[in-house]
Amino acid sequence: MQKEILLAESVLIAGLVGWELWQRGKRALTRWWKAWRAKPKRAWTLRPRTPDECVDCRLAATECGPGRTQSPRPWEEVKSKAGRPKEHDSEGYACMDPACEYYKVTDARIHA
């Protein structure tokens, strides 16, 4: 009889301690989840795909730049035939280095 009462009390105490630990853990988990959801997400930076979408390109559409011809030689003529073939489509993207011959050229057949 004593052992059964002692066993019942032990089970009850273990259950209550387990319940308390669960409640504290649940609160901590809930706080962590709310803090994680509230943190700012990565802001997407949108890149202009054509000169019409880029403010700088529209403003500088008439200027060609010092020492540049109106249309640069296509990259296919400049590069070696033994080079690695193009793997990614670069249509709509342009080089933003003002010193580059292909500066602001978005045609994939012309620039690299």
C-alpha atoms as a PDB file:
ATOM      1  CA  MET A   1       0.000   0.000   0.000  1.00  0.00           C
ATOM      2  CA  GLN A   2       2.812   2.434   0.895  1.00  0.00           C
ATOM      3  CA  LYS A   3       4.703   1.637  -2.320  1.00  0.00           C
ATOM      4  CA  GLU A   4       1.630   2.227  -4.449  1.00  0.00           C
ATOM      5  CA  ILE A   5       0.960   5.616  -2.834  1.00  0.00           C
ATOM      6  CA  LEU A   6       4.631   6.556  -3.192  1.00  0.00           C
ATOM      7  CA  LEU A   7       4.577   5.489  -6.865  1.00  0.00           C
ATOM      8  CA  ALA A   8       1.364   7.464  -7.510  1.00  0.00           C
ATOM      9  CA  GLU A   9       2.819  10.584  -5.844  1.00  0.00           C
ATOM     10  CA  SER A  10       6.056  10.224  -7.853  1.00  0.00           C
ATOM     11  CA  VAL A  11       4.139   9.896 -11.106  1.00  0.00           C
ATOM     12  CA  LEU A  12       1.995  12.923 -10.207  1.00  0.00           C
ATOM     13  CA  ILE A  13       5.034  15.045  -9.293  1.00  0.00           C
ATOM     14  CA  ALA A  14       6.873  13.982 -12.461  1.00  0.00           C
ATOM     15  CA  GLY A  15       3.769  14.835 -14.523  1.00  0.00           C
ATOM     16  CA  LEU A  16       3.454  18.272 -12.925  1.00  0.00           C
ATOM     17  CA  VAL A  17       7.159  19.030 -13.382  1.00  0.00           C
ATOM     18  CA  GLY A  18       6.937  17.833 -16.990  1.00  0.00           C
ATOM     19  CA  TRP A  19       3.863  20.020 -17.587  1.00  0.00           C
ATOM     20  CA  GLU A  20       5.632  23.082 -16.120  1.00  0.00           C
ATOM     21  CA  LEU A  21       8.690  22.494 -18.277  1.00  0.00           C
ATOM     22  CA  TRP A  22       6.475  22.102 -21.343  1.00  0.00           C
ATOM     23  CA  GLN A  23       4.662  25.380 -20.603  1.00  0.00           C
ATOM     24  CA  ARG A  24       7.926  27.294 -20.138  1.00  0.00           C
ATOM     25  CA  GLY A  25       9.406  25.792 -23.274  1.00  0.00           C
ATOM     26  CA  LYS A  26       6.262  26.549 -25.238  1.00  0.00           C
ATOM     27  CA  ARG A  27       6.386  30.187 -24.145  1.00  0.00           C
ATOM     28  CA  ALA A  28      10.044  30.478 -25.075  1.00  0.00           C
ATOM     29  CA  LEU A  29       9.385  28.809 -28.417  1.00  0.00           C
ATOM     30  CA  THR A  30       6.447  31.127 -29.089  1.00  0.00           C
ATOM     31  CA  ARG A  31       8.548  34.216 -28.233  1.00  0.00           C
ATOM     32  CA  TRP A  32      11.361  33.013 -30.495  1.00  0.00           C
ATOM     33  CA  TRP A  33       8.942  32.320 -33.361  1.00  0.00           C
ATOM     34  CA  LYS A  34       7.293  35.756 -33.094  1.00  0.00           C
ATOM     35  CA  ALA A  35      10.704  37.485 -32.980  1.00  0.00           C
ATOM     36  CA  TRP A  36      11.885  35.505 -35.983  1.00  0.00           C
ATOM     37  CA  ARG A  37       8.770  36.340 -37.987  1.00  0.00           C
ATOM     38  CA  ALA A  38       8.974  40.033 -37.023  1.00  0.00           C
ATOM     39  CA  LYS A  39      12.562  40.526 -38.221  1.00  0.00           C
ATOM     40  CA  PRO A  40      12.847  42.363 -41.533  1.00  0.00           C
ATOM     41  CA  LYS A  41      13.208  40.174 -44.574  1.00  0.00           C
ATOM     42  CA  ARG A  42      15.762  40.769 -47.315  1.00  0.00           C
ATOM     43  CA  ALA A  43      14.782  43.637 -49.540  1.00  0.00           C
ATOM     44  CA  TRP A  44      14.829  42.707 -53.201  1.00  0.00           C
ATOM     45  CA  THR A  45      16.837  45.064 -55.333  1.00  0.00           C
ATOM     46  CA  LEU A  46      15.316  45.428 -58.739  1.00  0.00           C
ATOM     47  CA  ARG A  47      17.745  45.940 -61.588  1.00  0.00           C
ATOM     48  CA  PRO A  48      16.712  47.639 -64.801  1.00  0.00           C
ATOM     49  CA  ARG A  49      16.685  45.161 -67.675  1.00  0.00           C
ATOM     50  CA  THR A  50      16.510  47.658 -70.517  1.00  0.00           C
ATOM     51  CA  PRO A  51      17.857  51.194 -71.011  1.00  0.00           C
ATOM     52  CA  ASP A  52      14.263  52.454 -71.022  1.00  0.00           C
ATOM     53  CA  GLU A  53      13.847  51.337 -67.395  1.00  0.00           C
ATOM     54  CA  CYS A  54      17.139  52.899 -66.223  1.00  0.00           C
ATOM     55  CA  VAL A  55      17.085  56.613 -65.383  1.00  0.00           C
ATOM     56  CA  ASP A  56      20.815  57.017 -66.044  1.00  0.00           C
ATOM     57  CA  CYS A  57      20.525  55.315 -69.441  1.00  0.00           C
ATOM     58  CA  ARG A  58      17.616  57.515 -70.471  1.00  0.00           C
ATOM     59  CA  LEU A  59      19.476  60.682 -69.453  1.00  0.00           C
ATOM     60  CA  ALA A  60      22.682  59.615 -71.197  1.00  0.00           C
ATOM     61  CA  ALA A  61      21.036  58.126 -74.283  1.00  0.00           C
ATOM     62  CA  THR A  62      22.398  60.817 -76.577  1.00  0.00           C
ATOM     63  CA  GLU A  63      25.945  60.895 -75.229  1.00  0.00           C
ATOM     64  CA  CYS A  64      28.340  58.243 -76.383  1.00  0.00           C
ATOM     65  CA  GLY A  65      31.253  58.876 -74.007  1.00  0.00           C
ATOM     66  CA  PRO A  66      34.885  59.811 -74.657  1.00  0.00           C
ATOM     67  CA  GLY A  67      36.725  57.666 -77.173  1.00  0.00           C
ATOM     68  CA  ARG A  68      33.807  55.311 -77.899  1.00  0.00           C
ATOM     69  CA  THR A  69      32.282  54.544 -81.226  1.00  0.00           C
ATOM     70  CA  GLN A  70      28.537  54.526 -81.677  1.00  0.00           C
ATOM     71  CA  SER A  71      28.370  50.721 -81.826  1.00  0.00           C
ATOM     72  CA  PRO A  72      31.173  48.556 -80.378  1.00  0.00           C
ATOM     73  CA  ARG A  73      32.440  45.441 -82.154  1.00  0.00           C
ATOM     74  CA  PRO A  74      30.386  42.351 -81.283  1.00  0.00           C
ATOM     75  CA  TRP A  75      32.010  40.183 -78.633  1.00  0.00           C
ATOM     76  CA  GLU A  76      31.917  37.174 -80.977  1.00  0.00           C
ATOM     77  CA  GLU A  77      34.450  38.953 -83.223  1.00  0.00           C
ATOM     78  CA  VAL A  78      36.698  39.975 -80.327  1.00  0.00           C
ATOM     79  CA  LYS A  79      36.897  36.734 -78.343  1.00  0.00           C
ATOM     80  CA  SER A  80      38.933  33.675 -79.262  1.00  0.00           C
ATOM     81  CA  LYS A  81      37.159  30.763 -80.953  1.00  0.00           C
ATOM     82  CA  ALA A  82      38.853  28.385 -78.471  1.00  0.00           C
ATOM     83  CA  GLY A  83      37.119  29.961 -75.485  1.00  0.00           C
ATOM     84  CA  ARG A  84      34.391  28.455 -73.388  1.00  0.00           C
ATOM     85  CA  PRO A  85      30.899  28.890 -74.891  1.00  0.00           C
ATOM     86  CA  LYS A  86      28.372  31.178 -73.266  1.00  0.00           C
ATOM     87  CA  GLU A  87      26.278  29.389 -70.634  1.00  0.00           C
ATOM     88  CA  HIS A  88      23.951  32.155 -69.451  1.00  0.00           C
ATOM     89  CA  ASP A  89      21.666  34.396 -71.438  1.00  0.00           C
ATOM     90  CA  SER A  90      22.741  37.974 -70.818  1.00  0.00           C
ATOM     91  CA  GLU A  91      20.012  39.634 -72.855  1.00  0.00           C
ATOM     92  CA  GLY A  92      18.844  42.789 -71.112  1.00  0.00           C
ATOM     93  CA  TYR A  93      21.893  43.162 -68.846  1.00  0.00           C
ATOM     94  CA  ALA A  94      24.624  45.719 -69.407  1.00  0.00           C
ATOM     95  CA  CYS A  95      28.118  46.513 -68.142  1.00  0.00           C
ATOM     96  CA  MET A  96      27.953  49.500 -65.783  1.00  0.00           C
ATOM     97  CA  ASP A  97      31.697  50.302 -65.927  1.00  0.00           C
ATOM     98  CA  PRO A  98      32.094  53.619 -67.813  1.00  0.00           C
ATOM     99  CA  ALA A  99      35.575  52.579 -68.996  1.00  0.00           C
ATOM    100  CA  CYS A 100      34.219  49.437 -70.689  1.00  0.00           C
ATOM    101  CA  GLU A 101      33.696  49.409 -74.446  1.00  0.00           C
ATOM    102  CA  TYR A 102      30.324  47.694 -73.898  1.00  0.00           C
ATOM    103  CA  TYR A 103      29.102  50.239 -71.328  1.00  0.00           C
ATOM    104  CA  LYS A 104      25.280  50.217 -71.164  1.00  0.00           C
ATOM    105  CA  VAL A 105      24.954  47.825 -74.136  1.00  0.00           C
ATOM    106  CA  THR A 106      22.093  45.395 -73.427  1.00  0.00           C
ATOM    107  CA  ASP A 107      22.099  43.401 -76.668  1.00  0.00           C
ATOM    108  CA  ALA A 108      23.394  39.882 -75.931  1.00  0.00           C
ATOM    109  CA  ARG A 109      24.754  39.469 -79.466  1.00  0.00           C
ATOM    110  CA  ILE A 110      27.090  42.441 -78.980  1.00  0.00           C
ATOM    111  CA  HIS A 111      28.276  42.303 -75.357  1.00  0.00           C
ATOM    112  CA  ALA A 112      29.854  39.434 -73.455  1.00  0.00           C
END
